[in-house]
Structure formats: structure tokens, C-alpha cells
Amino acid sequence: MITSLQCFTCLQALGILCGYMSLVTTMIAVAFTQFDKLKAAMLDIRQQHITIQQAQENEQVHTIVSCDLQDKLNACIRHHQEIME
């Protein structure tokens, strides 16, 4: 009776330990994937800004583009905050 109870307890502890480690590993993998997506979005914003800045001729277009880039940057900031929650 006692041996079977010890065996059950050992198996339960092993299951909890493996389950916890799997959960932590999965959560870390998801977080790093989200950070990679955020990095790609920020690099895209930077590339668009450089391209538009080189082709810039009209001040009104510059204002519209700046607002668009600011909106994209704000979206990246919100995404980062969601990752950190």
C-alpha cells in the first residue's frame, strides 16, 4: 500500500515538473517569436522612412508620411506592451 502510494506521488511530481517545464519553454518560444515579429515591423518602418526621406520633395507629403510612420511606430509600441503583459 505504502509503496504504491510512493510510486503514485513520484509519478505525479514528475508529471508536474515536466508539465511546468514544457509550459515555460512554450511561453518563452512564443515571446521570442513575438519579439522577432516586432523587430521585423520596426525594420520595415525604418526602411520605409529612409526610402521616403530620399524621395522627399513636397512638404505636405512629408507631413502625411510622418503621421503614417508615427502611427506604425505607435502600433509597434502597443505590440511591445502586449508582449510584456
N, C-alpha and C. Protein backbone atom coordinates (compact mmCIF):
# COMPACT_ATOMS: atom_id res chain seq x y z
N MET A 1 0.82 -1.19 0.00
CA MET A 1 0.00 0.00 0.00
C MET A 1 0.87 1.25 0.00
N ILE A 2 1.85 1.31 0.90
CA ILE A 2 2.71 2.48 1.00
C ILE A 2 3.58 2.60 -0.24
N THR A 3 4.07 1.50 -0.77
CA THR A 3 4.92 1.53 -1.96
C THR A 3 4.14 2.06 -3.15
N SER A 4 2.89 1.64 -3.32
CA SER A 4 2.09 2.13 -4.44
C SER A 4 1.78 3.62 -4.27
N LEU A 5 1.59 4.07 -3.04
CA LEU A 5 1.35 5.49 -2.79
C LEU A 5 2.60 6.30 -3.10
N GLN A 6 3.77 5.80 -2.74
CA GLN A 6 5.02 6.49 -3.05
C GLN A 6 5.25 6.54 -4.56
N CYS A 7 4.92 5.46 -5.24
CA CYS A 7 5.07 5.41 -6.69
C CYS A 7 4.14 6.42 -7.35
N PHE A 8 2.90 6.48 -6.89
CA PHE A 8 1.93 7.44 -7.42
C PHE A 8 2.40 8.87 -7.19
N THR A 9 2.90 9.17 -6.01
CA THR A 9 3.39 10.50 -5.68
C THR A 9 4.59 10.87 -6.53
N CYS A 10 5.46 9.93 -6.75
CA CYS A 10 6.64 10.16 -7.58
C CYS A 10 6.23 10.46 -9.03
N LEU A 11 5.30 9.69 -9.55
CA LEU A 11 4.82 9.92 -10.92
C LEU A 11 4.10 11.27 -11.04
N GLN A 12 3.35 11.62 -10.02
CA GLN A 12 2.65 12.90 -10.02
C GLN A 12 3.65 14.06 -9.99
N ALA A 13 4.66 13.96 -9.17
CA ALA A 13 5.69 15.01 -9.10
C ALA A 13 6.44 15.13 -10.42
N LEU A 14 6.74 14.01 -11.03
CA LEU A 14 7.42 14.01 -12.31
C LEU A 14 6.56 14.66 -13.39
N GLY A 15 5.27 14.35 -13.38
CA GLY A 15 4.34 14.95 -14.34
C GLY A 15 4.22 16.45 -14.17
N ILE A 16 4.17 16.90 -12.92
CA ILE A 16 4.08 18.34 -12.66
C ILE A 16 5.36 19.04 -13.12
N LEU A 17 6.50 18.45 -12.81
CA LEU A 17 7.78 19.04 -13.19
C LEU A 17 7.91 19.13 -14.72
N CYS A 18 7.61 18.05 -15.41
CA CYS A 18 7.71 18.05 -16.88
C CYS A 18 6.67 18.99 -17.50
N GLY A 19 5.48 19.00 -16.95
CA GLY A 19 4.44 19.89 -17.46
C GLY A 19 4.80 21.35 -17.29
N TYR A 20 5.36 21.68 -16.13
CA TYR A 20 5.78 23.07 -15.87
C TYR A 20 6.89 23.49 -16.82
N MET A 21 7.88 22.63 -16.99
CA MET A 21 9.00 22.94 -17.88
C MET A 21 8.52 23.10 -19.33
N SER A 22 7.59 22.28 -19.75
CA SER A 22 7.04 22.40 -21.09
C SER A 22 6.28 23.71 -21.26
N LEU A 23 5.52 24.08 -20.25
CA LEU A 23 4.77 25.33 -20.29
C LEU A 23 5.71 26.53 -20.38
N VAL A 24 6.73 26.54 -19.55
CA VAL A 24 7.70 27.65 -19.55
C VAL A 24 8.41 27.73 -20.90
N THR A 25 8.84 26.60 -21.42
CA THR A 25 9.53 26.57 -22.71
C THR A 25 8.63 27.10 -23.82
N THR A 26 7.38 26.70 -23.83
CA THR A 26 6.44 27.16 -24.84
C THR A 26 6.20 28.66 -24.73
N MET A 27 6.04 29.15 -23.51
CA MET A 27 5.81 30.58 -23.33
C MET A 27 7.02 31.41 -23.76
N ILE A 28 8.22 30.93 -23.50
CA ILE A 28 9.42 31.64 -23.92
C ILE A 28 9.53 31.64 -25.44
N ALA A 29 9.21 30.52 -26.07
CA ALA A 29 9.26 30.44 -27.53
C ALA A 29 8.26 31.41 -28.17
N VAL A 30 7.07 31.50 -27.61
CA VAL A 30 6.06 32.42 -28.13
C VAL A 30 6.51 33.87 -27.95
N ALA A 31 7.10 34.19 -26.81
CA ALA A 31 7.57 35.55 -26.55
C ALA A 31 8.67 35.93 -27.54
N PHE A 32 9.62 35.05 -27.78
CA PHE A 32 10.69 35.37 -28.72
C PHE A 32 10.16 35.49 -30.15
N THR A 33 9.16 34.71 -30.50
CA THR A 33 8.55 34.84 -31.82
C THR A 33 7.88 36.20 -31.96
N GLN A 34 7.20 36.65 -30.92
CA GLN A 34 6.57 37.97 -30.95
C GLN A 34 7.62 39.07 -31.05
N PHE A 35 8.74 38.92 -30.34
CA PHE A 35 9.81 39.91 -30.44
C PHE A 35 10.41 39.94 -31.85
N ASP A 36 10.52 38.78 -32.50
CA ASP A 36 11.01 38.74 -33.88
C ASP A 36 10.04 39.47 -34.81
N LYS A 37 8.74 39.28 -34.61
CA LYS A 37 7.75 39.98 -35.42
C LYS A 37 7.85 41.49 -35.20
N LEU A 38 8.06 41.90 -33.96
CA LEU A 38 8.20 43.31 -33.63
C LEU A 38 9.45 43.90 -34.29
N LYS A 39 10.54 43.16 -34.24
CA LYS A 39 11.78 43.62 -34.86
C LYS A 39 11.61 43.78 -36.37
N ALA A 40 10.93 42.83 -37.02
CA ALA A 40 10.70 42.92 -38.46
C ALA A 40 9.83 44.14 -38.79
N ALA A 41 8.82 44.41 -37.97
CA ALA A 41 7.96 45.57 -38.21
C ALA A 41 8.74 46.87 -38.05
N MET A 42 9.61 46.94 -37.06
CA MET A 42 10.40 48.16 -36.85
C MET A 42 11.42 48.36 -37.97
N LEU A 43 12.02 47.28 -38.45
CA LEU A 43 12.95 47.40 -39.58
C LEU A 43 12.21 47.84 -40.83
N ASP A 44 10.99 47.38 -41.00
CA ASP A 44 10.18 47.79 -42.14
C ASP A 44 9.86 49.28 -42.06
N ILE A 45 9.53 49.77 -40.88
CA ILE A 45 9.26 51.19 -40.69
C ILE A 45 10.52 52.00 -41.02
N ARG A 46 11.65 51.54 -40.53
CA ARG A 46 12.91 52.25 -40.79
C ARG A 46 13.21 52.29 -42.28
N GLN A 47 13.03 51.17 -42.97
CA GLN A 47 13.30 51.11 -44.41
C GLN A 47 12.36 52.04 -45.17
N GLN A 48 11.09 52.07 -44.81
CA GLN A 48 10.14 52.96 -45.46
C GLN A 48 10.51 54.42 -45.21
N HIS A 49 10.94 54.73 -44.00
CA HIS A 49 11.31 56.11 -43.67
C HIS A 49 12.52 56.56 -44.49
N ILE A 50 13.52 55.69 -44.62
CA ILE A 50 14.71 56.04 -45.40
C ILE A 50 14.35 56.23 -46.86
N THR A 51 13.53 55.34 -47.43
CA THR A 51 13.13 55.43 -48.83
C THR A 51 12.33 56.70 -49.09
N ILE A 52 11.40 57.01 -48.23
CA ILE A 52 10.57 58.20 -48.40
C ILE A 52 11.39 59.46 -48.19
N GLN A 53 12.30 59.44 -47.25
CA GLN A 53 13.13 60.61 -46.97
C GLN A 53 14.02 60.93 -48.17
N GLN A 54 14.50 59.93 -48.87
CA GLN A 54 15.35 60.15 -50.03
C GLN A 54 14.55 60.71 -51.21
N ALA A 55 13.30 60.32 -51.33
CA ALA A 55 12.47 60.76 -52.44
C ALA A 55 11.62 61.97 -52.08
N GLN A 56 11.86 62.59 -50.95
CA GLN A 56 11.03 63.68 -50.44
C GLN A 56 11.20 64.94 -51.29
N GLU A 57 10.05 65.53 -51.74
CA GLU A 57 10.08 66.78 -52.48
C GLU A 57 9.04 67.76 -51.98
N ASN A 58 7.90 67.27 -51.51
CA ASN A 58 6.79 68.13 -51.13
C ASN A 58 6.62 68.12 -49.62
N GLU A 59 6.50 69.29 -49.00
CA GLU A 59 6.38 69.38 -47.53
C GLU A 59 5.07 68.78 -47.05
N GLN A 60 3.98 68.90 -47.81
CA GLN A 60 2.69 68.34 -47.41
C GLN A 60 2.77 66.81 -47.38
N VAL A 61 3.41 66.24 -48.36
CA VAL A 61 3.58 64.79 -48.39
C VAL A 61 4.40 64.35 -47.19
N HIS A 62 5.40 65.14 -46.82
CA HIS A 62 6.24 64.83 -45.67
C HIS A 62 5.40 64.75 -44.39
N THR A 63 4.46 65.68 -44.22
CA THR A 63 3.60 65.68 -43.04
C THR A 63 2.72 64.44 -43.00
N ILE A 64 2.15 64.09 -44.13
CA ILE A 64 1.28 62.89 -44.21
C ILE A 64 2.09 61.64 -43.93
N VAL A 65 3.28 61.55 -44.51
CA VAL A 65 4.13 60.38 -44.31
C VAL A 65 4.57 60.30 -42.85
N SER A 66 4.90 61.43 -42.24
CA SER A 66 5.31 61.43 -40.84
C SER A 66 4.20 60.91 -39.94
N CYS A 67 2.97 61.30 -40.22
CA CYS A 67 1.83 60.81 -39.43
C CYS A 67 1.68 59.30 -39.60
N ASP A 68 1.84 58.83 -40.85
CA ASP A 68 1.71 57.40 -41.12
C ASP A 68 2.81 56.62 -40.39
N LEU A 69 4.04 57.12 -40.45
CA LEU A 69 5.14 56.44 -39.76
C LEU A 69 4.93 56.49 -38.25
N GLN A 70 4.41 57.61 -37.75
CA GLN A 70 4.15 57.71 -36.30
C GLN A 70 3.08 56.70 -35.88
N ASP A 71 2.05 56.54 -36.71
CA ASP A 71 1.00 55.55 -36.41
C ASP A 71 1.58 54.14 -36.38
N LYS A 72 2.45 53.83 -37.33
CA LYS A 72 3.07 52.50 -37.35
C LYS A 72 3.97 52.29 -36.14
N LEU A 73 4.71 53.33 -35.77
CA LEU A 73 5.56 53.24 -34.59
C LEU A 73 4.73 53.06 -33.32
N ASN A 74 3.61 53.76 -33.23
CA ASN A 74 2.71 53.59 -32.08
C ASN A 74 2.16 52.17 -32.03
N ALA A 75 1.85 51.60 -33.19
CA ALA A 75 1.37 50.22 -33.23
C ALA A 75 2.45 49.25 -32.73
N CYS A 76 3.71 49.53 -33.08
CA CYS A 76 4.81 48.69 -32.59
C CYS A 76 4.96 48.81 -31.08
N ILE A 77 4.79 50.02 -30.57
CA ILE A 77 4.89 50.22 -29.12
C ILE A 77 3.78 49.46 -28.40
N ARG A 78 2.56 49.52 -28.95
CA ARG A 78 1.45 48.78 -28.34
C ARG A 78 1.72 47.28 -28.38
N HIS A 79 2.26 46.81 -29.51
CA HIS A 79 2.58 45.39 -29.65
C HIS A 79 3.61 44.98 -28.59
N HIS A 80 4.62 45.82 -28.37
CA HIS A 80 5.63 45.53 -27.36
C HIS A 80 5.01 45.46 -25.97
N GLN A 81 4.11 46.38 -25.68
CA GLN A 81 3.46 46.38 -24.38
C GLN A 81 2.60 45.13 -24.20
N GLU A 82 1.95 44.66 -25.26
CA GLU A 82 1.16 43.44 -25.18
C GLU A 82 2.06 42.23 -24.94
N ILE A 83 3.24 42.23 -25.54
CA ILE A 83 4.17 41.12 -25.32
C ILE A 83 4.60 41.07 -23.86
N MET A 84 4.85 42.25 -23.29
CA MET A 84 5.36 42.32 -21.93
C MET A 84 4.29 42.01 -20.87
N GLU A 85 3.04 42.01 -21.24
CA GLU A 85 1.98 41.70 -20.26
C GLU A 85 1.90 40.26 -19.96
